[in-house]
């Protein structure tokens, strides 16, 4: 029974470590959307005519 508990704990730990890497692999690296790009406040005010 103790061997089963160690095996289950090891399996659970390796799964918890491997799952984030599995999901991270499918995404492009640091691709930002247009609305998330930070602009300089002076450029913004000039573009808006303020």
PDB file of N, CA and C in Angstrom:
ATOM      1  N   UNK A   1       0.824  -1.199   0.000  1.00  0.00           N
ATOM      2  CA  UNK A   1       0.000   0.000   0.000  1.00  0.00           C
ATOM      3  C   UNK A   1       0.869   1.265   0.000  1.00  0.00           C
ATOM      4  N   UNK A   2       1.978   1.189   0.715  1.00  0.00           N
ATOM      5  CA  UNK A   2       2.866   2.348   0.759  1.00  0.00           C
ATOM      6  C   UNK A   2       3.507   2.596  -0.610  1.00  0.00           C
ATOM      7  N   UNK A   3       3.839   1.527  -1.305  1.00  0.00           N
ATOM      8  CA  UNK A   3       4.416   1.641  -2.639  1.00  0.00           C
ATOM      9  C   UNK A   3       3.424   2.290  -3.595  1.00  0.00           C
ATOM     10  N   UNK A   4       2.164   1.920  -3.474  1.00  0.00           N
ATOM     11  CA  UNK A   4       1.115   2.516  -4.312  1.00  0.00           C
ATOM     12  C   UNK A   4       0.972   4.009  -4.019  1.00  0.00           C
ATOM     13  N   UNK A   5       1.068   4.390  -2.768  1.00  0.00           N
ATOM     14  CA  UNK A   5       0.949   5.801  -2.395  1.00  0.00           C
ATOM     15  C   UNK A   5       2.123   6.603  -2.963  1.00  0.00           C
ATOM     16  N   UNK A   6       3.332   6.068  -2.897  1.00  0.00           N
ATOM     17  CA  UNK A   6       4.484   6.757  -3.460  1.00  0.00           C
ATOM     18  C   UNK A   6       4.375   6.881  -4.975  1.00  0.00           C
ATOM     19  N   UNK A   7       3.930   5.821  -5.620  1.00  0.00           N
ATOM     20  CA  UNK A   7       3.768   5.845  -7.069  1.00  0.00           C
ATOM     21  C   UNK A   7       2.703   6.859  -7.485  1.00  0.00           C
ATOM     22  N   UNK A   8       1.598   6.883  -6.764  1.00  0.00           N
ATOM     23  CA  UNK A   8       0.526   7.828  -7.069  1.00  0.00           C
ATOM     24  C   UNK A   8       0.988   9.268  -6.848  1.00  0.00           C
ATOM     25  N   UNK A   9       1.719   9.506  -5.773  1.00  0.00           N
ATOM     26  CA  UNK A   9       2.250  10.841  -5.512  1.00  0.00           C
ATOM     27  C   UNK A   9       3.232  11.276  -6.578  1.00  0.00           C
ATOM     28  N   UNK A  10       4.104  10.362  -6.997  1.00  0.00           N
ATOM     29  CA  UNK A  10       5.065  10.669  -8.049  1.00  0.00           C
ATOM     30  C   UNK A  10       4.356  10.967  -9.364  1.00  0.00           C
ATOM     31  N   UNK A  11       3.353  10.186  -9.690  1.00  0.00           N
ATOM     32  CA  UNK A  11       2.589  10.389 -10.918  1.00  0.00           C
ATOM     33  C   UNK A  11       1.851  11.728 -10.886  1.00  0.00           C
ATOM     34  N   UNK A  12       1.276  12.057  -9.756  1.00  0.00           N
ATOM     35  CA  UNK A  12       0.577  13.326  -9.613  1.00  0.00           C
ATOM     36  C   UNK A  12       1.535  14.509  -9.725  1.00  0.00           C
ATOM     37  N   UNK A  13       2.700  14.400  -9.124  1.00  0.00           N
ATOM     38  CA  UNK A  13       3.684  15.472  -9.179  1.00  0.00           C
ATOM     39  C   UNK A  13       4.220  15.666 -10.589  1.00  0.00           C
ATOM     40  N   UNK A  14       4.548  14.598 -11.281  1.00  0.00           N
ATOM     41  CA  UNK A  14       5.057  14.730 -12.642  1.00  0.00           C
ATOM     42  C   UNK A  14       3.985  15.268 -13.583  1.00  0.00           C
ATOM     43  N   UNK A  15       2.736  14.905 -13.351  1.00  0.00           N
ATOM     44  CA  UNK A  15       1.652  15.435 -14.181  1.00  0.00           C
ATOM     45  C   UNK A  15       1.481  16.933 -13.943  1.00  0.00           C
ATOM     46  N   UNK A  16       1.573  17.363 -12.684  1.00  0.00           N
ATOM     47  CA  UNK A  16       1.418  18.781 -12.366  1.00  0.00           C
ATOM     48  C   UNK A  16       2.555  19.607 -12.960  1.00  0.00           C
ATOM     49  N   UNK A  17       3.719  19.016 -13.126  1.00  0.00           N
ATOM     50  CA  UNK A  17       4.851  19.728 -13.722  1.00  0.00           C
ATOM     51  C   UNK A  17       4.752  19.705 -15.249  1.00  0.00           C
ATOM     52  N   UNK A  18       4.305  18.615 -15.824  1.00  0.00           N
ATOM     53  CA  UNK A  18       4.306  18.454 -17.275  1.00  0.00           C
ATOM     54  C   UNK A  18       3.161  19.179 -17.973  1.00  0.00           C
ATOM     55  N   UNK A  19       2.023  19.307 -17.342  1.00  0.00           N
ATOM     56  CA  UNK A  19       0.854  19.898 -17.999  1.00  0.00           C
ATOM     57  C   UNK A  19       1.080  21.356 -18.408  1.00  0.00           C
ATOM     58  N   UNK A  20       1.645  22.219 -17.551  1.00  0.00           N
ATOM     59  CA  UNK A  20       1.877  23.592 -18.014  1.00  0.00           C
ATOM     60  C   UNK A  20       2.832  23.674 -19.202  1.00  0.00           C
ATOM     61  N   UNK A  21       3.849  22.839 -19.243  1.00  0.00           N
ATOM     62  CA  UNK A  21       4.756  22.826 -20.390  1.00  0.00           C
ATOM     63  C   UNK A  21       4.048  22.373 -21.652  1.00  0.00           C
ATOM     64  N   UNK A  22       3.130  21.436 -21.510  1.00  0.00           N
ATOM     65  CA  UNK A  22       2.375  20.940 -22.659  1.00  0.00           C
ATOM     66  C   UNK A  22       1.508  22.042 -23.258  1.00  0.00           C
ATOM     67  N   UNK A  23       0.835  22.816 -22.414  1.00  0.00           N
ATOM     68  CA  UNK A  23      -0.029  23.878 -22.918  1.00  0.00           C
ATOM     69  C   UNK A  23       0.763  25.088 -23.387  1.00  0.00           C
ATOM     70  N   UNK A  24       1.906  25.345 -22.806  1.00  0.00           N
ATOM     71  CA  UNK A  24       2.723  26.484 -23.197  1.00  0.00           C
ATOM     72  C   UNK A  24       3.337  26.279 -24.578  1.00  0.00           C
ATOM     73  N   UNK A  25       3.552  25.064 -24.960  1.00  0.00           N
ATOM     74  CA  UNK A  25       4.183  24.735 -26.229  1.00  0.00           C
ATOM     75  C   UNK A  25       3.360  25.167 -27.433  1.00  0.00           C
ATOM     76  N   UNK A  26       2.047  25.137 -27.310  1.00  0.00           N
ATOM     77  CA  UNK A  26       1.175  25.448 -28.427  1.00  0.00           C
ATOM     78  C   UNK A  26       1.052  26.932 -28.716  1.00  0.00           C
ATOM     79  N   UNK A  27       1.416  27.789 -27.781  1.00  0.00           N
ATOM     80  CA  UNK A  27       1.252  29.231 -27.957  1.00  0.00           C
ATOM     81  C   UNK A  27       2.496  29.846 -28.571  1.00  0.00           C
ATOM     82  N   UNK A  28       2.340  30.870 -29.383  1.00  0.00           N
ATOM     83  CA  UNK A  28       3.511  31.591 -29.879  1.00  0.00           C
ATOM     84  C   UNK A  28       4.172  32.364 -28.740  1.00  0.00           C
ATOM     85  N   UNK A  29       5.457  32.550 -28.830  1.00  0.00           N
ATOM     86  CA  UNK A  29       6.207  33.181 -27.754  1.00  0.00           C
ATOM     87  C   UNK A  29       6.009  34.687 -27.748  1.00  0.00           C
ATOM     88  N   UNK A  30       5.417  35.193 -26.700  1.00  0.00           N
ATOM     89  CA  UNK A  30       5.278  36.631 -26.426  1.00  0.00           C
ATOM     90  C   UNK A  30       4.734  37.445 -27.589  1.00  0.00           C
ATOM     91  N   UNK A  31       3.665  36.969 -28.189  1.00  0.00           N
ATOM     92  CA  UNK A  31       3.031  37.728 -29.256  1.00  0.00           C
ATOM     93  C   UNK A  31       1.933  38.582 -28.631  1.00  0.00           C
ATOM     94  N   UNK A  32       2.117  39.907 -28.677  1.00  0.00           N
ATOM     95  CA  UNK A  32       1.188  40.806 -28.024  1.00  0.00           C
ATOM     96  C   UNK A  32       0.114  41.264 -29.008  1.00  0.00           C
ATOM     97  N   UNK A  33      -1.085  41.441 -28.490  1.00  0.00           N
ATOM     98  CA  UNK A  33      -2.170  41.967 -29.306  1.00  0.00           C
ATOM     99  C   UNK A  33      -1.995  43.473 -29.441  1.00  0.00           C
ATOM    100  N   UNK A  34      -2.611  44.056 -30.455  1.00  0.00           N
ATOM    101  CA  UNK A  34      -2.461  45.484 -30.707  1.00  0.00           C
ATOM    102  C   UNK A  34      -2.947  46.337 -29.536  1.00  0.00           C
ATOM    103  N   UNK A  35      -4.011  45.908 -28.878  1.00  0.00           N
ATOM    104  CA  UNK A  35      -4.541  46.728 -27.799  1.00  0.00           C
ATOM    105  C   UNK A  35      -3.676  46.675 -26.540  1.00  0.00           C
ATOM    106  N   UNK A  36      -2.750  45.733 -26.475  1.00  0.00           N
ATOM    107  CA  UNK A  36      -1.897  45.621 -25.297  1.00  0.00           C
ATOM    108  C   UNK A  36      -0.554  46.327 -25.457  1.00  0.00           C
ATOM    109  N   UNK A  37      -0.280  46.908 -26.606  1.00  0.00           N
ATOM    110  CA  UNK A  37       0.986  47.600 -26.813  1.00  0.00           C
ATOM    111  C   UNK A  37       0.901  48.963 -26.129  1.00  0.00           C
ATOM    112  N   UNK A  38       1.914  49.281 -25.367  1.00  0.00           N
ATOM    113  CA  UNK A  38       1.921  50.559 -24.658  1.00  0.00           C
ATOM    114  C   UNK A  38       2.447  51.652 -25.567  1.00  0.00           C
ATOM    115  N   UNK A  39       1.755  52.769 -25.550  1.00  0.00           N
ATOM    116  CA  UNK A  39       2.154  53.914 -26.346  1.00  0.00           C
ATOM    117  C   UNK A  39       2.646  55.025 -25.427  1.00  0.00           C
ATOM    118  N   UNK A  40       3.515  55.867 -25.950  1.00  0.00           N
ATOM    119  CA  UNK A  40       3.961  57.036 -25.214  1.00  0.00           C
ATOM    120  C   UNK A  40       2.803  58.015 -25.106  1.00  0.00           C
ATOM    121  N   UNK A  41       2.622  58.629 -23.946  1.00  0.00           N
ATOM    122  CA  UNK A  41       1.487  59.522 -23.746  1.00  0.00           C
ATOM    123  C   UNK A  41       1.560  60.727 -24.672  1.00  0.00           C
ATOM    124  N   UNK A  42       2.757  61.209 -24.971  1.00  0.00           N
ATOM    125  CA  UNK A  42       2.896  62.359 -25.877  1.00  0.00           C
ATOM    126  C   UNK A  42       2.462  61.990 -27.299  1.00  0.00           C
ATOM    127  N   UNK A  43       2.789  60.791 -27.734  1.00  0.00           N
ATOM    128  CA  UNK A  43       2.351  60.334 -29.057  1.00  0.00           C
ATOM    129  C   UNK A  43       0.830  60.204 -29.112  1.00  0.00           C
ATOM    130  N   UNK A  44       0.254  59.720 -28.032  1.00  0.00           N
ATOM    131  CA  UNK A  44      -1.200  59.576 -27.983  1.00  0.00           C
ATOM    132  C   UNK A  44      -1.892  60.933 -28.042  1.00  0.00           C
ATOM    133  N   UNK A  45      -1.413  61.869 -27.238  1.00  0.00           N
ATOM    134  CA  UNK A  45      -2.034  63.200 -27.228  1.00  0.00           C
ATOM    135  C   UNK A  45      -1.877  63.892 -28.572  1.00  0.00           C
ATOM    136  N   UNK A  46      -0.726  63.715 -29.215  1.00  0.00           N
ATOM    137  CA  UNK A  46      -0.521  64.317 -30.517  1.00  0.00           C
ATOM    138  C   UNK A  46      -1.441  63.689 -31.568  1.00  0.00           C
ATOM    139  N   UNK A  47      -1.615  62.408 -31.496  1.00  0.00           N
ATOM    140  CA  UNK A  47      -2.480  61.718 -32.458  1.00  0.00           C
ATOM    141  C   UNK A  47      -3.943  62.096 -32.272  1.00  0.00           C
ATOM    142  N   UNK A  48      -4.354  62.335 -31.044  1.00  0.00           N
ATOM    143  CA  UNK A  48      -5.735  62.708 -30.768  1.00  0.00           C
ATOM    144  C   UNK A  48      -5.980  64.211 -30.923  1.00  0.00           C
ATOM    145  N   UNK A  49      -4.897  64.970 -31.075  1.00  0.00           N
ATOM    146  CA  UNK A  49      -5.038  66.399 -31.235  1.00  0.00           C
ATOM    147  C   UNK A  49      -5.360  67.117 -29.940  1.00  0.00           C
ATOM    148  N   UNK A  50      -4.942  66.573 -28.843  1.00  0.00           N
ATOM    149  CA  UNK A  50      -5.222  67.191 -27.532  1.00  0.00           C
ATOM    150  C   UNK A  50      -4.066  68.032 -27.039  1.00  0.00           C
TER     151      UNK A  50
END
